């Protein structure tokens, strides 16, 4: 990870603290979105809140993937 940090500092021309702060923000945002998606898929977060947080494109993609997985599982169970 130190090599990645060194690379980012050199590429961005920013000091290490600035790069680490940006990395922390990006990491928290990624974890937040992951938790939102999991909460939505498990029914803990309402669809409306998820839509407001992630937007219609992400909602459509998550619902498409969920439905595709359900169809695949149903198909597999019928063939078993």
Protein backbone atom coordinates (compact mmCIF):
# COMPACT_ATOMS: atom_id res chain seq x y z
CA UNK A 1 0.00 0.00 0.00
CA UNK A 2 2.93 2.35 0.62
CA UNK A 3 3.90 2.05 -3.04
CA UNK A 4 0.38 3.03 -4.07
CA UNK A 5 0.50 6.04 -1.78
CA UNK A 6 3.88 7.09 -3.17
CA UNK A 7 2.53 6.75 -6.69
CA UNK A 8 -0.53 8.87 -5.90
CA UNK A 9 1.56 11.58 -4.26
CA UNK A 10 3.83 11.73 -7.31
CA UNK A 11 1.01 11.58 -9.88
CA UNK A 12 -1.23 14.13 -8.22
CA UNK A 13 1.54 16.46 -7.14
CA UNK A 14 -0.03 16.75 -3.70
CA UNK A 15 1.40 16.13 -0.26
CA UNK A 16 0.82 12.82 1.48
CA UNK A 17 -1.73 14.23 3.96
CA UNK A 18 -3.89 15.59 1.13
CA UNK A 19 -3.76 12.28 -0.73
CA UNK A 20 -4.61 10.35 2.45
CA UNK A 21 -7.55 12.66 3.15
CA UNK A 22 -8.86 12.10 -0.39
CA UNK A 23 -8.37 8.35 -0.01
CA UNK A 24 -10.27 8.36 3.28
CA UNK A 25 -13.17 10.28 1.72
CA UNK A 26 -13.26 7.92 -1.28
CA UNK A 27 -13.10 4.87 0.97
CA UNK A 28 -15.87 6.06 3.27
CA UNK A 29 -18.02 6.92 0.24
CA UNK A 30 -17.46 3.44 -1.24
CA UNK A 31 -18.29 1.74 2.07
CA UNK A 32 -21.37 3.94 2.49
CA UNK A 33 -22.65 3.05 -0.98
CA UNK A 34 -21.95 -0.64 -0.32
CA UNK A 35 -23.87 -0.50 2.97
CA UNK A 36 -26.75 1.34 1.29
CA UNK A 37 -26.95 -1.28 -1.44
CA UNK A 38 -26.85 -4.15 1.04
CA UNK A 39 -29.49 -2.47 3.19
CA UNK A 40 -31.73 -1.97 0.17
CA UNK A 41 -31.31 -5.55 -1.05
CA UNK A 42 -32.07 -6.97 2.40
CA UNK A 43 -35.10 -4.71 2.86
CA UNK A 44 -33.67 -2.55 5.63
CA UNK A 45 -33.57 0.61 3.50
CA UNK A 46 -36.67 1.71 1.59
CA UNK A 47 -36.46 1.96 -2.19
CA UNK A 48 -37.25 5.69 -2.06
CA UNK A 49 -34.30 6.45 0.23
CA UNK A 50 -31.99 4.30 -1.87
CA UNK A 51 -33.14 6.15 -5.00
CA UNK A 52 -32.47 9.53 -3.37
CA UNK A 53 -29.02 8.44 -2.23
CA UNK A 54 -27.72 6.73 -5.38
CA UNK A 55 -29.84 8.06 -8.24
CA UNK A 56 -32.05 6.33 -10.81
CA UNK A 57 -29.24 4.79 -12.88
CA UNK A 58 -27.67 2.96 -9.95
CA UNK A 59 -31.09 1.89 -8.68
CA UNK A 60 -31.96 0.44 -12.08
CA UNK A 61 -28.64 -1.43 -12.28
CA UNK A 62 -28.97 -2.88 -8.76
CA UNK A 63 -32.56 -3.98 -9.40
CA UNK A 64 -31.57 -5.50 -12.75
CA UNK A 65 -28.74 -7.47 -11.14
CA UNK A 66 -30.98 -8.59 -8.26
CA UNK A 67 -33.69 -9.78 -10.64
CA UNK A 68 -31.18 -11.54 -12.90
CA UNK A 69 -29.73 -13.38 -9.91
CA UNK A 70 -33.20 -14.43 -8.78
CA UNK A 71 -34.00 -15.77 -12.27
CA UNK A 72 -30.70 -17.67 -12.37
CA UNK A 73 -31.33 -19.24 -8.97
CA UNK A 74 -34.88 -20.23 -9.93
CA UNK A 75 -33.60 -21.73 -13.19
CA UNK A 76 -30.90 -23.64 -11.32
CA UNK A 77 -33.36 -24.99 -8.77
CA UNK A 78 -35.71 -26.21 -11.49
CA UNK A 79 -32.87 -28.01 -13.24
CA UNK A 80 -31.52 -29.65 -10.09
